[in-house]
C-alpha atoms as a PDB file:
ATOM      1  CA  MET A   1     119.330  81.123  82.012  1.00  0.00           C
ATOM      2  CA  ALA A   2     117.283  82.326  79.067  1.00  0.00           C
ATOM      3  CA  LEU A   3     114.344  84.699  79.400  1.00  0.00           C
ATOM      4  CA  LEU A   4     111.524  82.601  78.013  1.00  0.00           C
ATOM      5  CA  ASP A   5     107.901  83.748  77.989  1.00  0.00           C
ATOM      6  CA  THR A   6     104.791  81.547  78.120  1.00  0.00           C
ATOM      7  CA  HIS A   7     104.465  81.676  74.328  1.00  0.00           C
ATOM      8  CA  GLY A   8     107.865  80.060  73.775  1.00  0.00           C
ATOM      9  CA  ARG A   9     109.798  83.192  72.793  1.00  0.00           C
ATOM     10  CA  THR A  10     113.355  83.641  74.052  1.00  0.00           C
ATOM     11  CA  HIS A  11     114.401  87.258  74.593  1.00  0.00           C
ATOM     12  CA  ARG A  12     117.912  88.346  73.604  1.00  0.00           C
ATOM     13  CA  SER A  13     117.529  92.052  72.837  1.00  0.00           C
ATOM     14  CA  LEU A  14     117.131  94.980  75.249  1.00  0.00           C
ATOM     15  CA  ARG A  15     116.209  98.580  74.443  1.00  0.00           C
ATOM     16  CA  ILE A  16     117.258 101.042  77.147  1.00  0.00           C
ATOM     17  CA  SER A  17     115.864 104.568  77.166  1.00  0.00           C
ATOM     18  CA  ILE A  18     118.367 106.776  78.973  1.00  0.00           C
ATOM     19  CA  VAL A  19     116.447 110.069  78.811  1.00  0.00           C
ATOM     20  CA  ASP A  20     112.820 111.008  78.162  1.00  0.00           C
ATOM     21  CA  LYS A  21     113.540 114.432  76.669  1.00  0.00           C
ATOM     22  CA  CYS A  22     114.050 115.272  73.014  1.00  0.00           C
ATOM     23  CA  ASP A  23     115.412 118.273  71.103  1.00  0.00           C
ATOM     24  CA  LEU A  24     112.679 117.851  68.479  1.00  0.00           C
ATOM     25  CA  ARG A  25     108.948 117.790  69.098  1.00  0.00           C
ATOM     26  CA  CYS A  26     107.917 115.485  66.264  1.00  0.00           C
ATOM     27  CA  THR A  27     104.180 115.557  65.661  1.00  0.00           C
ATOM     28  CA  TYR A  28     103.748 111.780  65.763  1.00  0.00           C
ATOM     29  CA  CYS A  29     105.644 110.976  68.978  1.00  0.00           C
ATOM     30  CA  MET A  30     105.476 113.905  71.412  1.00  0.00           C
ATOM     31  CA  PRO A  31     102.281 115.571  72.657  1.00  0.00           C
ATOM     32  CA  GLU A  32     102.471 119.278  73.426  1.00  0.00           C
ATOM     33  CA  ASP A  33     101.669 118.680  77.120  1.00  0.00           C
ATOM     34  CA  GLN A  34     104.449 116.154  77.747  1.00  0.00           C
ATOM     35  CA  ARG A  35     105.726 116.081  81.361  1.00  0.00           C
ATOM     36  CA  PHE A  36     109.417 115.284  81.670  1.00  0.00           C
ATOM     37  CA  LEU A  37     111.143 113.445  84.494  1.00  0.00           C
ATOM     38  CA  ARG A  38     113.255 115.091  87.154  1.00  0.00           C
ATOM     39  CA  ARG A  39     116.945 114.199  87.152  1.00  0.00           C
ATOM     40  CA  GLU A  40     116.621 112.095  90.315  1.00  0.00           C
ATOM     41  CA  GLU A  41     113.914 110.002  88.649  1.00  0.00           C
ATOM     42  CA  LEU A  42     116.265 108.898  85.856  1.00  0.00           C
ATOM     43  CA  MET A  43     118.556 105.912  86.094  1.00  0.00           C
ATOM     44  CA  THR A  44     122.149 106.938  86.744  1.00  0.00           C
ATOM     45  CA  ARG A  45     124.998 105.688  84.583  1.00  0.00           C
ATOM     46  CA  GLU A  46     125.943 103.202  87.306  1.00  0.00           C
ATOM     47  CA  GLU A  47     122.355 101.921  87.617  1.00  0.00           C
ATOM     48  CA  ILE A  48     122.085 101.446  83.865  1.00  0.00           C
ATOM     49  CA  ALA A  49     125.311  99.438  83.896  1.00  0.00           C
ATOM     50  CA  THR A  50     124.160  97.329  86.859  1.00  0.00           C
ATOM     51  CA  ILE A  51     120.821  96.420  85.304  1.00  0.00           C
ATOM     52  CA  ALA A  52     122.355  95.806  81.879  1.00  0.00           C
ATOM     53  CA  ARG A  53     124.978  93.505  83.386  1.00  0.00           C
ATOM     54  CA  LEU A  54     122.247  91.426  85.036  1.00  0.00           C
ATOM     55  CA  PHE A  55     120.388  91.068  81.740  1.00  0.00           C
ATOM     56  CA  VAL A  56     123.580  90.039  79.930  1.00  0.00           C
ATOM     57  CA  GLU A  57     125.291  87.796  82.468  1.00  0.00           C
ATOM     58  CA  ARG A  58     122.240  86.082  83.940  1.00  0.00           C
ATOM     59  CA  TYR A  59     119.772  86.091  81.053  1.00  0.00           C
ATOM     60  CA  GLY A  60     121.926  85.993  77.940  1.00  0.00           C
ATOM     61  CA  ILE A  61     120.959  89.314  76.366  1.00  0.00           C
ATOM     62  CA  THR A  62     123.193  89.785  73.301  1.00  0.00           C
ATOM     63  CA  LYS A  63     122.020  93.128  71.870  1.00  0.00           C
ATOM     64  CA  ILE A  64     121.448  96.459  73.611  1.00  0.00           C
ATOM     65  CA  ARG A  65     120.246  99.631  71.923  1.00  0.00           C
ATOM     66  CA  LEU A  66     120.184 103.003  73.656  1.00  0.00           C
ATOM     67  CA  THR A  67     117.128 105.113  72.912  1.00  0.00           C
ATOM     68  CA  GLY A  68     115.198 108.055  74.303  1.00  0.00           C
ATOM     69  CA  GLY A  69     113.799 110.624  73.894  1.00  0.00           C
ATOM     70  CA  GLU A  70     117.078 111.724  72.396  1.00  0.00           C
ATOM     71  CA  PRO A  71     119.892 109.802  74.144  1.00  0.00           C
ATOM     72  CA  LEU A  72     122.542 112.327  73.130  1.00  0.00           C
ATOM     73  CA  LEU A  73     120.926 114.890  75.431  1.00  0.00           C
ATOM     74  CA  ARG A  74     122.611 113.001  78.263  1.00  0.00           C
ATOM     75  CA  PRO A  75     126.153 114.315  78.750  1.00  0.00           C
ATOM     76  CA  ASP A  76     127.278 110.821  79.802  1.00  0.00           C
ATOM     77  CA  ALA A  77     125.843 109.025  76.738  1.00  0.00           C
ATOM     78  CA  ALA A  78     129.272 108.028  75.393  1.00  0.00           C
ATOM     79  CA  ALA A  79     130.338 106.810  78.845  1.00  0.00           C
ATOM     80  CA  ILE A  80     127.217 104.638  78.996  1.00  0.00           C
ATOM     81  CA  VAL A  81     128.103 103.221  75.574  1.00  0.00           C
ATOM     82  CA  ASN A  82     131.581 102.439  76.872  1.00  0.00           C
ATOM     83  CA  ASP A  83     130.108 100.626  79.905  1.00  0.00           C
ATOM     84  CA  LEU A  84     127.882  98.502  77.678  1.00  0.00           C
ATOM     85  CA  MET A  85     130.687  97.676  75.243  1.00  0.00           C
ATOM     86  CA  ALA A  86     132.561  96.184  78.219  1.00  0.00           C
ATOM     87  CA  LEU A  87     129.765  93.588  78.470  1.00  0.00           C
ATOM     88  CA  HIS A  88     130.764  92.252  75.031  1.00  0.00           C
ATOM     89  CA  VAL A  89     127.346  92.635  73.438  1.00  0.00           C
ATOM     90  CA  LYS A  90     126.240  94.363  70.249  1.00  0.00           C
ATOM     91  CA  VAL A  91     125.530  97.988  71.107  1.00  0.00           C
ATOM     92  CA  GLY A  92     123.585 100.481  69.013  1.00  0.00           C
ATOM     93  CA  LEU A  93     122.083 103.909  69.523  1.00  0.00           C
ATOM     94  CA  THR A  94     119.002 105.595  68.092  1.00  0.00           C
ATOM     95  CA  THR A  95     119.231 109.340  67.505  1.00  0.00           C
ATOM     96  CA  ASN A  96     117.605 112.175  65.599  1.00  0.00           C
ATOM     97  CA  ALA A  97     121.187 113.316  64.777  1.00  0.00           C
ATOM     98  CA  VAL A  98     120.572 116.949  65.710  1.00  0.00           C
ATOM     99  CA  SER A  99     123.619 117.093  68.002  1.00  0.00           C
ATOM    100  CA  LEU A 100     125.505 114.113  66.589  1.00  0.00           C
ATOM    101  CA  HIS A 101     128.409 116.297  65.422  1.00  0.00           C
ATOM    102  CA  ASP A 102     129.173 117.128  69.064  1.00  0.00           C
ATOM    103  CA  HIS A 103     129.355 113.471  70.114  1.00  0.00           C
ATOM    104  CA  LEU A 104     130.487 111.459  67.093  1.00  0.00           C
ATOM    105  CA  ASP A 105     134.187 111.218  67.907  1.00  0.00           C
ATOM    106  CA  GLU A 106     133.495 110.336  71.550  1.00  0.00           C
ATOM    107  CA  LEU A 107     130.941 107.678  70.564  1.00  0.00           C
ATOM    108  CA  TRP A 108     133.387 106.212  68.057  1.00  0.00           C
ATOM    109  CA  SER A 109     136.142 106.095  70.672  1.00  0.00           C
ATOM    110  CA  ALA A 110     133.730 104.333  73.055  1.00  0.00           C
ATOM    111  CA  GLY A 111     133.322 101.599  70.450  1.00  0.00           C
ATOM    112  CA  LEU A 112     129.950 102.455  68.921  1.00  0.00           C
ATOM    113  CA  ARG A 113     129.614 101.394  65.275  1.00  0.00           C
ATOM    114  CA  SER A 114     125.839 101.282  64.723  1.00  0.00           C
ATOM    115  CA  LEU A 115     123.383 104.180  64.540  1.00  0.00           C
ATOM    116  CA  ASN A 116     119.659 104.256  63.889  1.00  0.00           C
ATOM    117  CA  VAL A 117     118.745 107.745  62.703  1.00  0.00           C
ATOM    118  CA  SER A 118     115.150 108.968  62.692  1.00  0.00           C
ATOM    119  CA  LEU A 119     114.577 110.949  59.475  1.00  0.00           C
ATOM    120  CA  ASP A 120     111.115 111.226  57.927  1.00  0.00           C
ATOM    121  CA  THR A 121     111.759 113.540  54.983  1.00  0.00           C
ATOM    122  CA  PHE A 122     114.404 115.010  52.688  1.00  0.00           C
ATOM    123  CA  ASP A 123     112.407 118.226  52.344  1.00  0.00           C
ATOM    124  CA  ALA A 124     113.564 121.014  54.660  1.00  0.00           C
ATOM    125  CA  ASP A 125     110.163 122.696  54.905  1.00  0.00           C
ATOM    126  CA  ARG A 126     108.423 119.392  55.571  1.00  0.00           C
ATOM    127  CA  PHE A 127     111.050 118.517  58.169  1.00  0.00           C
ATOM    128  CA  LYS A 128     110.238 121.761  59.960  1.00  0.00           C
ATOM    129  CA  ARG A 129     106.520 120.922  59.994  1.00  0.00           C
ATOM    130  CA  ILE A 130     107.076 117.378  61.288  1.00  0.00           C
ATOM    131  CA  ALA A 131     109.862 118.080  63.794  1.00  0.00           C
ATOM    132  CA  ARG A 132     108.832 121.641  64.676  1.00  0.00           C
ATOM    133  CA  ARG A 133     112.436 122.816  64.278  1.00  0.00           C
ATOM    134  CA  ASP A 134     114.289 124.083  61.203  1.00  0.00           C
ATOM    135  CA  LEU A 135     117.236 121.704  61.420  1.00  0.00           C
ATOM    136  CA  TYR A 136     117.096 119.500  58.337  1.00  0.00           C
ATOM    137  CA  ASP A 137     120.434 120.656  56.876  1.00  0.00           C
ATOM    138  CA  GLN A 138     122.213 120.071  60.171  1.00  0.00           C
ATOM    139  CA  VAL A 139     120.703 116.602  60.616  1.00  0.00           C
ATOM    140  CA  TRP A 140     121.552 115.453  57.090  1.00  0.00           C
ATOM    141  CA  ARG A 141     125.091 116.837  57.357  1.00  0.00           C
ATOM    142  CA  ASN A 142     125.566 114.853  60.565  1.00  0.00           C
ATOM    143  CA  VAL A 143     124.223 111.673  58.969  1.00  0.00           C
ATOM    144  CA  ARG A 144     126.733 112.009  56.127  1.00  0.00           C
ATOM    145  CA  GLN A 145     129.546 112.684  58.569  1.00  0.00           C
ATOM    146  CA  ALA A 146     128.724 109.550  60.590  1.00  0.00           C
ATOM    147  CA  HIS A 147     128.458 107.459  57.418  1.00  0.00           C
ATOM    148  CA  ASP A 148     131.804 108.744  56.141  1.00  0.00           C
ATOM    149  CA  LYS A 149     133.403 107.926  59.499  1.00  0.00           C
ATOM    150  CA  GLY A 150     132.359 104.298  59.117  1.00  0.00           C
ATOM    151  CA  MET A 151     129.190 104.043  61.190  1.00  0.00           C
ATOM    152  CA  ARG A 152     126.578 101.562  59.988  1.00  0.00           C
ATOM    153  CA  ILE A 153     123.549 103.762  59.378  1.00  0.00           C
ATOM    154  CA  LYS A 154     119.913 102.726  59.458  1.00  0.00           C
ATOM    155  CA  LEU A 155     117.552 105.514  58.430  1.00  0.00           C
ATOM    156  CA  ASN A 156     114.137 105.118  60.065  1.00  0.00           C
ATOM    157  CA  MET A 157     111.290 106.788  58.164  1.00  0.00           C
ATOM    158  CA  VAL A 158     107.789 106.736  59.650  1.00  0.00           C
ATOM    159  CA  VAL A 159     105.553 106.757  56.562  1.00  0.00           C
ATOM    160  CA  MET A 160     102.377 108.818  57.013  1.00  0.00           C
ATOM    161  CA  ARG A 161      99.788 108.938  54.268  1.00  0.00           C
ATOM    162  CA  GLY A 162      99.406 112.419  52.877  1.00  0.00           C
ATOM    163  CA  MET A 163     102.456 113.650  54.783  1.00  0.00           C
ATOM    164  CA  ASN A 164     105.592 112.018  53.350  1.00  0.00           C
ATOM    165  CA  ASP A 165     104.524 108.918  51.379  1.00  0.00           C
ATOM    166  CA  ASP A 166     105.539 110.712  48.173  1.00  0.00           C
ATOM    167  CA  GLU A 167     109.203 110.425  49.259  1.00  0.00           C
ATOM    168  CA  ILE A 168     109.389 106.629  49.481  1.00  0.00           C
ATOM    169  CA  LEU A 169     111.168 106.261  46.142  1.00  0.00           C
ATOM    170  CA  ARG A 170     113.672 108.966  47.030  1.00  0.00           C
ATOM    171  CA  PHE A 171     114.609 107.080  50.201  1.00  0.00           C
ATOM    172  CA  VAL A 172     114.992 103.832  48.264  1.00  0.00           C
ATOM    173  CA  GLU A 173     117.129 105.535  45.627  1.00  0.00           C
ATOM    174  CA  LEU A 174     119.474 106.784  48.336  1.00  0.00           C
ATOM    175  CA  THR A 175     120.650 103.160  48.644  1.00  0.00           C
ATOM    176  CA  GLN A 176     121.913 103.012  45.059  1.00  0.00           C
ATOM    177  CA  HIS A 177     125.326 104.515  45.784  1.00  0.00           C
ATOM    178  CA  ASN A 178     125.337 104.520  49.591  1.00  0.00           C
ATOM    179  CA  ASP A 179     125.765 101.655  52.034  1.00  0.00           C
ATOM    180  CA  ILE A 180     122.805 102.947  54.032  1.00  0.00           C
ATOM    181  CA  HIS A 181     119.899 100.843  55.249  1.00  0.00           C
ATOM    182  CA  VAL A 182     116.494 102.516  54.971  1.00  0.00           C
ATOM    183  CA  ARG A 183     113.659 101.230  57.137  1.00  0.00           C
ATOM    184  CA  PHE A 184     110.104 102.298  56.377  1.00  0.00           C
ATOM    185  CA  ILE A 185     107.891 102.102  59.467  1.00  0.00           C
ATOM    186  CA  GLU A 186     104.123 101.891  59.328  1.00  0.00           C
ATOM    187  CA  PHE A 187     102.564 104.735  61.324  1.00  0.00           C
ATOM    188  CA  MET A 188     101.821 103.257  64.754  1.00  0.00           C
ATOM    189  CA  PRO A 189      99.321 104.424  67.384  1.00  0.00           C
ATOM    190  CA  PHE A 190     100.619 106.033  70.558  1.00  0.00           C
ATOM    191  CA  ALA A 191      99.078 108.410  73.029  1.00  0.00           C
ATOM    192  CA  GLY A 192      98.581 111.866  71.595  1.00  0.00           C
ATOM    193  CA  ASN A 193      99.989 111.255  68.091  1.00  0.00           C
ATOM    194  CA  GLY A 194      96.747 111.664  66.125  1.00  0.00           C
ATOM    195  CA  TRP A 195      96.844 108.117  64.787  1.00  0.00           C
ATOM    196  CA  GLY A 196      94.107 106.902  62.509  1.00  0.00           C
ATOM    197  CA  ARG A 197      93.997 103.736  60.424  1.00  0.00           C
ATOM    198  CA  GLU A 198      93.371 105.889  57.338  1.00  0.00           C
ATOM    199  CA  ARG A 199      96.793 107.534  57.853  1.00  0.00           C
ATOM    200  CA  VAL A 200      98.641 104.213  57.669  1.00  0.00           C
ATOM    201  CA  TYR A 201     100.485 103.687  54.387  1.00  0.00           C
ATOM    202  CA  THR A 202     100.718  99.912  54.414  1.00  0.00           C
ATOM    203  CA  TYR A 203     103.560  97.494  53.869  1.00  0.00           C
ATOM    204  CA  SER A 204     101.909  96.098  50.729  1.00  0.00           C
ATOM    205  CA  GLU A 205     101.329  99.598  49.361  1.00  0.00           C
ATOM    206  CA  MET A 206     104.979 100.478  49.902  1.00  0.00           C
ATOM    207  CA  LEU A 207     106.204  97.406  48.042  1.00  0.00           C
ATOM    208  CA  GLY A 208     103.724  97.990  45.242  1.00  0.00           C
ATOM    209  CA  HIS A 209     104.831 101.599  44.865  1.00  0.00           C
ATOM    210  CA  ILE A 210     108.537 100.712  44.889  1.00  0.00           C
ATOM    211  CA  GLY A 211     107.997  97.773  42.522  1.00  0.00           C
ATOM    212  CA  SER A 212     106.266  99.987  39.969  1.00  0.00           C
ATOM    213  CA  VAL A 213     109.637 101.688  39.382  1.00  0.00           C
ATOM    214  CA  HIS A 214     112.384  99.365  40.612  1.00  0.00           C
ATOM    215  CA  SER A 215     112.849  95.612  40.586  1.00  0.00           C
ATOM    216  CA  PHE A 216     113.973  94.351  43.982  1.00  0.00           C
ATOM    217  CA  GLU A 217     114.869  91.092  45.695  1.00  0.00           C
ATOM    218  CA  LYS A 218     113.991  89.738  49.129  1.00  0.00           C
ATOM    219  CA  LEU A 219     116.882  89.332  51.542  1.00  0.00           C
ATOM    220  CA  ASN A 220     117.168  86.786  54.324  1.00  0.00           C
ATOM    221  CA  ASP A 221     115.944  88.264  57.596  1.00  0.00           C
ATOM    222  CA  ASP A 222     117.341  87.460  61.006  1.00  0.00           C
ATOM    223  CA  ALA A 223     115.055  85.052  62.854  1.00  0.00           C
ATOM    224  CA  HIS A 224     114.033  87.809  65.287  1.00  0.00           C
ATOM    225  CA  SER A 225     114.113  90.768  62.919  1.00  0.00           C
ATOM    226  CA  THR A 226     111.249  93.254  63.083  1.00  0.00           C
ATOM    227  CA  ALA A 227     112.006  94.415  59.534  1.00  0.00           C
ATOM    228  CA  LYS A 228     111.416  92.684  56.194  1.00  0.00           C
ATOM    229  CA  ALA A 229     114.501  93.531  54.145  1.00  0.00           C
ATOM    230  CA  TYR A 230     114.990  94.021  50.393  1.00  0.00           C
ATOM    231  CA  ARG A 231     117.603  95.227  47.944  1.00  0.00           C
ATOM    232  CA  VAL A 232     117.552  96.569  44.414  1.00  0.00           C
ATOM    233  CA  PRO A 233     120.067  94.221  42.718  1.00  0.00           C
ATOM    234  CA  GLY A 234     123.492  95.783  42.390  1.00  0.00           C
ATOM    235  CA  TRP A 235     122.762  98.684  44.760  1.00  0.00           C
ATOM    236  CA  GLU A 236     125.003  99.254  47.757  1.00  0.00           C
ATOM    237  CA  GLY A 237     122.390  99.691  50.481  1.00  0.00           C
ATOM    238  CA  THR A 238     119.117  98.016  51.393  1.00  0.00           C
ATOM    239  CA  PHE A 239     115.580  98.956  52.364  1.00  0.00           C
ATOM    240  CA  ALA A 240     113.144  97.263  54.708  1.00  0.00           C
ATOM    241  CA  VAL A 241     109.633  97.632  56.060  1.00  0.00           C
ATOM    242  CA  ILE A 242     108.513  97.373  59.683  1.00  0.00           C
ATOM    243  CA  SER A 243     104.871  96.336  59.347  1.00  0.00           C
ATOM    244  CA  THR A 244     103.668  96.611  62.940  1.00  0.00           C
ATOM    245  CA  VAL A 245     100.130  97.636  61.986  1.00  0.00           C
ATOM    246  CA  THR A 246      99.194  95.419  59.023  1.00  0.00           C
ATOM    247  CA  GLU A 247     101.468  92.385  59.533  1.00  0.00           C
ATOM    248  CA  PRO A 248     102.652  92.237  63.167  1.00  0.00           C
ATOM    249  CA  PHE A 249     105.801  90.224  63.850  1.00  0.00           C
ATOM    250  CA  CYS A 250     104.992  89.445  67.476  1.00  0.00           C
ATOM    251  CA  GLY A 251     105.539  85.699  67.102  1.00  0.00           C
ATOM    252  CA  SER A 252     109.293  86.119  66.692  1.00  0.00           C
ATOM    253  CA  CYS A 253     109.892  89.287  68.737  1.00  0.00           C
ATOM    254  CA  ASP A 254     112.779  88.945  71.196  1.00  0.00           C
ATOM    255  CA  ARG A 255     112.842  92.536  72.494  1.00  0.00           C
ATOM    256  CA  LEU A 256     112.448  93.905  75.991  1.00  0.00           C
ATOM    257  CA  ARG A 257     112.449  97.560  77.007  1.00  0.00           C
ATOM    258  CA  LEU A 258     113.641  99.597  79.954  1.00  0.00           C
ATOM    259  CA  THR A 259     112.379 103.163  80.322  1.00  0.00           C
ATOM    260  CA  ALA A 260     114.536 106.050  81.462  1.00  0.00           C
ATOM    261  CA  GLU A 261     113.198 105.769  85.020  1.00  0.00           C
ATOM    262  CA  GLY A 262     113.876 102.038  85.199  1.00  0.00           C
ATOM    263  CA  LYS A 263     110.447 100.629  84.328  1.00  0.00           C
ATOM    264  CA  MET A 264     110.550  97.343  82.412  1.00  0.00           C
ATOM    265  CA  ARG A 265     108.133  96.828  79.504  1.00  0.00           C
ATOM    266  CA  ASN A 266     107.888  93.500  77.703  1.00  0.00           C
ATOM    267  CA  CYS A 267     106.327  95.081  74.586  1.00  0.00           C
ATOM    268  CA  LEU A 268     106.334  98.482  72.914  1.00  0.00           C
ATOM    269  CA  PHE A 269     102.534  98.508  73.285  1.00  0.00           C
ATOM    270  CA  ALA A 270     102.462  97.123  76.814  1.00  0.00           C
ATOM    271  CA  ARG A 271     100.086  98.785  79.240  1.00  0.00           C
ATOM    272  CA  GLU A 272     101.813  97.246  82.259  1.00  0.00           C
ATOM    273  CA  GLU A 273     105.281  98.138  83.558  1.00  0.00           C
ATOM    274  CA  THR A 274     107.493  96.672  86.263  1.00  0.00           C
ATOM    275  CA  ASP A 275     109.542  99.064  88.375  1.00  0.00           C
ATOM    276  CA  LEU A 276     113.129  97.801  88.624  1.00  0.00           C
ATOM    277  CA  LEU A 277     114.809 101.000  89.782  1.00  0.00           C
ATOM    278  CA  ALA A 278     113.128 101.537  93.158  1.00  0.00           C
ATOM    279  CA  PRO A 279     113.826  97.956  94.334  1.00  0.00           C
ATOM    280  CA  LEU A 280     117.399  98.214  93.022  1.00  0.00           C
ATOM    281  CA  ARG A 281     117.941 101.382  95.049  1.00  0.00           C
ATOM    282  CA  ARG A 282     116.611  99.585  98.118  1.00  0.00           C
ATOM    283  CA  GLY A 283     119.193  96.851  97.574  1.00  0.00           C
ATOM    284  CA  GLU A 284     116.640  94.197  96.616  1.00  0.00           C
ATOM    285  CA  ASP A 285     117.075  91.389  94.100  1.00  0.00           C
ATOM    286  CA  ILE A 286     115.328  92.495  90.894  1.00  0.00           C
ATOM    287  CA  ALA A 287     115.751  89.181  89.065  1.00  0.00           C
ATOM    288  CA  PRO A 288     112.326  87.796  90.135  1.00  0.00           C
ATOM    289  CA  LEU A 289     110.696  91.001  88.893  1.00  0.00           C
ATOM    290  CA  ILE A 290     112.365  90.669  85.482  1.00  0.00           C
ATOM    291  CA  GLU A 291     111.297  87.052  85.151  1.00  0.00           C
ATOM    292  CA  ALA A 292     107.703  87.773  86.157  1.00  0.00           C
ATOM    293  CA  ASN A 293     107.502  90.632  83.654  1.00  0.00           C
ATOM    294  CA  VAL A 294     108.624  88.411  80.779  1.00  0.00           C
ATOM    295  CA  LEU A 295     106.242  85.615  81.756  1.00  0.00           C
ATOM    296  CA  ALA A 296     103.361  88.109  81.628  1.00  0.00           C
ATOM    297  CA  LYS A 297     104.055  89.049  77.999  1.00  0.00           C
ATOM    298  CA  HIS A 298     100.979  88.831  75.754  1.00  0.00           C
ATOM    299  CA  ALA A 299     100.927  86.806  72.570  1.00  0.00           C
ATOM    300  CA  MET A 300     100.853  89.970  70.453  1.00  0.00           C
ATOM    301  CA  LEU A 301     100.638  93.778  70.536  1.00  0.00           C
ATOM    302  CA  GLY A 302     100.747  94.015  74.312  1.00  0.00           C
ATOM    303  CA  GLY A 303      97.246  92.548  74.502  1.00  0.00           C
ATOM    304  CA  LEU A 304      95.704  95.173  72.210  1.00  0.00           C
ATOM    305  CA  PRO A 305      93.248  94.111  69.511  1.00  0.00           C
ATOM    306  CA  PRO A 306      94.489  94.118  65.907  1.00  0.00           C
ATOM    307  CA  PHE A 307      94.703  97.594  64.378  1.00  0.00           C
ATOM    308  CA  ARG A 308      91.594  97.252  62.211  1.00  0.00           C
ATOM    309  CA  PRO A 309      89.427 100.267  61.292  1.00  0.00           C
ATOM    310  CA  GLU A 310      86.445  98.989  63.267  1.00  0.00           C
ATOM    311  CA  LYS A 311      88.696  98.573  66.337  1.00  0.00           C
ATOM    312  CA  GLN A 312      90.288 102.030  66.137  1.00  0.00           C
ATOM    313  CA  GLU A 313      88.515 103.617  69.105  1.00  0.00           C
ATOM    314  CA  GLU A 314      89.170 100.560  71.242  1.00  0.00           C
ATOM    315  CA  VAL A 315      92.860 100.573  70.353  1.00  0.00           C
ATOM    316  CA  LEU A 316      93.323 104.251  71.085  1.00  0.00           C
ATOM    317  CA  HIS A 317      91.405 103.990  74.367  1.00  0.00           C
ATOM    318  CA  ASP A 318      93.482 101.038  75.543  1.00  0.00           C
ATOM    319  CA  LEU A 319      96.882 102.449  74.682  1.00  0.00           C
ATOM    320  CA  SER A 320      99.180 103.495  77.492  1.00  0.00           C
ATOM    321  CA  ALA A 321      98.892 107.172  78.338  1.00  0.00           C
ATOM    322  CA  ARG A 322     102.673 107.391  77.960  1.00  0.00           C
ATOM    323  CA  PRO A 323     103.830 108.854  74.634  1.00  0.00           C
ATOM    324  CA  MET A 324     106.551 107.310  72.492  1.00  0.00           C
ATOM    325  CA  VAL A 325     109.185 109.749  73.727  1.00  0.00           C
ATOM    326  CA  SER A 326     108.811 108.326  77.258  1.00  0.00           C
ATOM    327  CA  ILE A 327     109.315 104.675  76.443  1.00  0.00           C
ATOM    328  CA  GLY A 328     111.869 104.559  73.645  1.00  0.00           C
ATOM    329  CA  GLY A 329     111.651 102.816  70.287  1.00  0.00           C
END
């Protein structure tokens, strides 16, 4: 059966966070006072496989992406990839690439061919300010190594006004001679990340800035894509914008999320979660819980008001207290 919500959306994509820790403390996703889970609170490899199999075999999920935190902090990350590949679905993994060199061969052998890499700047000093660690050279070296090995690379850049918006063209120009897919993400509000509407560099501003230098063409987007994709004609790679703040794509979203401790969220901005792990450990049927969670999905933005300047305090007050690192991307 398909997972259909009350607004007519069928859900085919699942994001699974397998750890809530990260080896970077990026200023926009991890508060300084973050509390991390104990090992026994996390889903085990076997529990991840069990829940994923239910989503695939019973509900027709066709895409699974592993997230975090930083998923490569789990020593069994490649084994989890191998388990998911056995379900014959598209499998991807989101990483900051800090330790990718230690895992790349094992991930490749497990069957992984798609990586989303979080990279917000090509400037080493700026990277250190954003990520609070001096690891830019290592990260970029690992990205190149994965690309040369044959991984499909999506570079995710969170664009923050006054912080890194001056690098947009440099990211676009990376796609001229590289089959790399850049995705610019509007700065989104989460607990503790200092969000303000004035810090959002908008989708329309990005296109205007890029178009002042380069001609580009619109590409056909997947029906459930969160990104609006473009290409400079003749260039090898592509670029896209994820416009969550100014032009939400909620009407076509087919994504569900599972946190590292087995809590199901039907939206990135959801304030409600459904615990699947505790009932699973008690031997209960979790299917009714999954179905009820999907049916409770709001029409847009997890029930939050639009991210307008006059609604800023309301938005920030209503957001879940859980930071981005706890719920995955």
